Amino acid sequence: MALLASLLGCATPRTEAQKQADEAIAARVDGALQADKLLYAKHITVHADNGVVRLTGFVWEAPDLEEAQRIAAGVDGVHGVVNDLELQRNGLGDSPVSR
């Protein structure tokens, strides 16, 4: 409920500075996700709103769901993480070759 209330509270117009700050946070989170050698993050999209980061897209392995959230939460300026990532298999095996 608190998250829903905070998201609904974001309906007020944002200044250009706030938009730029959120774009910078999203870029830093995306950079951190892409830089992680153990996480295949090419299918993760990052959005930020007042320091709350939303991760969407998919990952190939279950531990990556939590790893992506952990990485995002550790980025400077992130106040919270909404993890909307999905586990995508589509008949592919667990081998790194199938990624």
C-alpha atoms as a PDB file:
ATOM      1  CA  MET A   1       0.000   0.000   0.000  1.00  0.00           C
ATOM      2  CA  ALA A   2       2.789   2.414   0.853  1.00  0.00           C
ATOM      3  CA  LEU A   3       4.414   1.860  -2.534  1.00  0.00           C
ATOM      4  CA  LEU A   4       1.096   2.445  -4.297  1.00  0.00           C
ATOM      5  CA  ALA A   5       0.559   5.630  -2.327  1.00  0.00           C
ATOM      6  CA  SER A   6       4.053   6.847  -3.161  1.00  0.00           C
ATOM      7  CA  LEU A   7       3.542   6.088  -6.856  1.00  0.00           C
ATOM      8  CA  LEU A   8       0.184   7.865  -6.881  1.00  0.00           C
ATOM      9  CA  GLY A   9       1.793  10.804  -5.119  1.00  0.00           C
ATOM     10  CA  CYS A  10       4.164  11.166  -8.073  1.00  0.00           C
ATOM     11  CA  ALA A  11       1.325  12.433 -10.266  1.00  0.00           C
ATOM     12  CA  THR A  12       2.375  16.031  -9.582  1.00  0.00           C
ATOM     13  CA  PRO A  13       4.296  17.747 -12.371  1.00  0.00           C
ATOM     14  CA  ARG A  14       8.041  17.285 -12.133  1.00  0.00           C
ATOM     15  CA  THR A  15      10.607  19.955 -12.846  1.00  0.00           C
ATOM     16  CA  GLU A  16      13.191  19.594 -15.578  1.00  0.00           C
ATOM     17  CA  ALA A  17      15.847  19.148 -12.887  1.00  0.00           C
ATOM     18  CA  GLN A  18      13.894  16.226 -11.381  1.00  0.00           C
ATOM     19  CA  LYS A  19      13.531  14.609 -14.794  1.00  0.00           C
ATOM     20  CA  GLN A  20      17.255  14.976 -15.440  1.00  0.00           C
ATOM     21  CA  ALA A  21      18.103  13.560 -12.014  1.00  0.00           C
ATOM     22  CA  ASP A  22      15.914  10.517 -12.688  1.00  0.00           C
ATOM     23  CA  GLU A  23      17.473  10.031 -16.119  1.00  0.00           C
ATOM     24  CA  ALA A  24      20.920  10.142 -14.513  1.00  0.00           C
ATOM     25  CA  ILE A  25      19.899   7.597 -11.860  1.00  0.00           C
ATOM     26  CA  ALA A  26      18.435   5.294 -14.516  1.00  0.00           C
ATOM     27  CA  ALA A  27      21.637   5.581 -16.555  1.00  0.00           C
ATOM     28  CA  ARG A  28      23.806   4.765 -13.517  1.00  0.00           C
ATOM     29  CA  VAL A  29      21.656   1.747 -12.656  1.00  0.00           C
ATOM     30  CA  ASP A  30      21.717   0.527 -16.251  1.00  0.00           C
ATOM     31  CA  GLY A  31      25.490   0.957 -16.332  1.00  0.00           C
ATOM     32  CA  ALA A  32      25.884  -1.012 -13.110  1.00  0.00           C
ATOM     33  CA  LEU A  33      23.654  -3.811 -14.413  1.00  0.00           C
ATOM     34  CA  GLN A  34      25.511  -4.001 -17.728  1.00  0.00           C
ATOM     35  CA  ALA A  35      28.909  -3.941 -15.986  1.00  0.00           C
ATOM     36  CA  ASP A  36      28.159  -6.912 -13.757  1.00  0.00           C
ATOM     37  CA  LYS A  37      30.057  -9.890 -15.193  1.00  0.00           C
ATOM     38  CA  LEU A  38      27.682 -12.490 -13.743  1.00  0.00           C
ATOM     39  CA  LEU A  39      24.391 -10.882 -14.846  1.00  0.00           C
ATOM     40  CA  TYR A  40      23.174 -10.946 -18.444  1.00  0.00           C
ATOM     41  CA  ALA A  41      21.266  -7.652 -18.379  1.00  0.00           C
ATOM     42  CA  LYS A  42      20.695  -6.865 -22.056  1.00  0.00           C
ATOM     43  CA  HIS A  43      16.951  -7.467 -21.662  1.00  0.00           C
ATOM     44  CA  ILE A  44      16.512  -5.277 -18.580  1.00  0.00           C
ATOM     45  CA  THR A  45      15.010  -1.804 -18.902  1.00  0.00           C
ATOM     46  CA  VAL A  46      15.441   0.770 -16.140  1.00  0.00           C
ATOM     47  CA  HIS A  47      13.068   3.631 -15.357  1.00  0.00           C
ATOM     48  CA  ALA A  48      13.396   6.050 -12.437  1.00  0.00           C
ATOM     49  CA  ASP A  49      10.831   8.302 -10.791  1.00  0.00           C
ATOM     50  CA  ASN A  50      11.908  10.446  -7.847  1.00  0.00           C
ATOM     51  CA  GLY A  51      14.711   8.015  -7.046  1.00  0.00           C
ATOM     52  CA  VAL A  52      12.507   4.916  -7.191  1.00  0.00           C
ATOM     53  CA  VAL A  53      13.848   2.589  -9.876  1.00  0.00           C
ATOM     54  CA  ARG A  54      11.610   0.188 -11.788  1.00  0.00           C
ATOM     55  CA  LEU A  55      13.230  -2.803 -13.479  1.00  0.00           C
ATOM     56  CA  THR A  56      11.307  -4.379 -16.349  1.00  0.00           C
ATOM     57  CA  GLY A  57      12.142  -7.007 -18.921  1.00  0.00           C
ATOM     58  CA  PHE A  58      13.472 -10.477 -18.312  1.00  0.00           C
ATOM     59  CA  VAL A  59      16.403 -12.522 -17.137  1.00  0.00           C
ATOM     60  CA  TRP A  60      17.342 -16.113 -17.940  1.00  0.00           C
ATOM     61  CA  GLU A  61      18.045 -17.508 -14.476  1.00  0.00           C
ATOM     62  CA  ALA A  62      16.133 -17.237 -11.193  1.00  0.00           C
ATOM     63  CA  PRO A  63      19.071 -15.880  -9.118  1.00  0.00           C
ATOM     64  CA  ASP A  64      19.363 -12.984 -11.587  1.00  0.00           C
ATOM     65  CA  LEU A  65      15.978 -11.649 -10.407  1.00  0.00           C
ATOM     66  CA  GLU A  66      17.418 -10.883  -6.976  1.00  0.00           C
ATOM     67  CA  GLU A  67      20.872  -9.962  -8.271  1.00  0.00           C
ATOM     68  CA  ALA A  68      19.471  -7.231 -10.523  1.00  0.00           C
ATOM     69  CA  GLN A  69      17.492  -5.791  -7.628  1.00  0.00           C
ATOM     70  CA  ARG A  70      20.553  -5.912  -5.338  1.00  0.00           C
ATOM     71  CA  ILE A  71      22.702  -4.117  -7.912  1.00  0.00           C
ATOM     72  CA  ALA A  72      20.074  -1.437  -8.548  1.00  0.00           C
ATOM     73  CA  ALA A  73      19.542  -0.807  -4.828  1.00  0.00           C
ATOM     74  CA  GLY A  74      23.273  -0.227  -4.375  1.00  0.00           C
ATOM     75  CA  VAL A  75      23.471   2.632  -6.876  1.00  0.00           C
ATOM     76  CA  ASP A  76      23.872   6.136  -5.459  1.00  0.00           C
ATOM     77  CA  GLY A  77      20.604   8.086  -5.495  1.00  0.00           C
ATOM     78  CA  VAL A  78      18.292   5.058  -5.578  1.00  0.00           C
ATOM     79  CA  HIS A  79      15.664   5.269  -2.827  1.00  0.00           C
ATOM     80  CA  GLY A  80      13.784   2.094  -3.727  1.00  0.00           C
ATOM     81  CA  VAL A  81      13.499  -0.629  -6.356  1.00  0.00           C
ATOM     82  CA  VAL A  82      10.364  -2.039  -7.932  1.00  0.00           C
ATOM     83  CA  ASN A  83      11.364  -5.346  -9.477  1.00  0.00           C
ATOM     84  CA  ASP A  84       9.000  -6.216 -12.343  1.00  0.00           C
ATOM     85  CA  LEU A  85      11.490  -8.557 -14.007  1.00  0.00           C
ATOM     86  CA  GLU A  86      10.288 -11.874 -15.349  1.00  0.00           C
ATOM     87  CA  LEU A  87      12.060 -15.191 -15.643  1.00  0.00           C
ATOM     88  CA  GLN A  88      12.203 -16.083 -19.333  1.00  0.00           C
ATOM     89  CA  ARG A  89      12.924 -19.643 -20.379  1.00  0.00           C
ATOM     90  CA  ASN A  90      11.150 -20.289 -23.727  1.00  0.00           C
ATOM     91  CA  GLY A  91      12.517 -23.799 -23.887  1.00  0.00           C
ATOM     92  CA  LEU A  92      16.137 -22.717 -23.617  1.00  0.00           C
ATOM     93  CA  GLY A  93      18.519 -24.673 -21.424  1.00  0.00           C
ATOM     94  CA  ASP A  94      20.576 -23.379 -18.558  1.00  0.00           C
ATOM     95  CA  SER A  95      23.800 -23.424 -20.531  1.00  0.00           C
ATOM     96  CA  PRO A  96      25.595 -20.087 -21.068  1.00  0.00           C
ATOM     97  CA  VAL A  97      25.607 -20.913 -24.787  1.00  0.00           C
ATOM     98  CA  SER A  98      21.806 -20.650 -24.932  1.00  0.00           C
ATOM     99  CA  ARG A  99      21.872 -17.130 -23.527  1.00  0.00           C
END
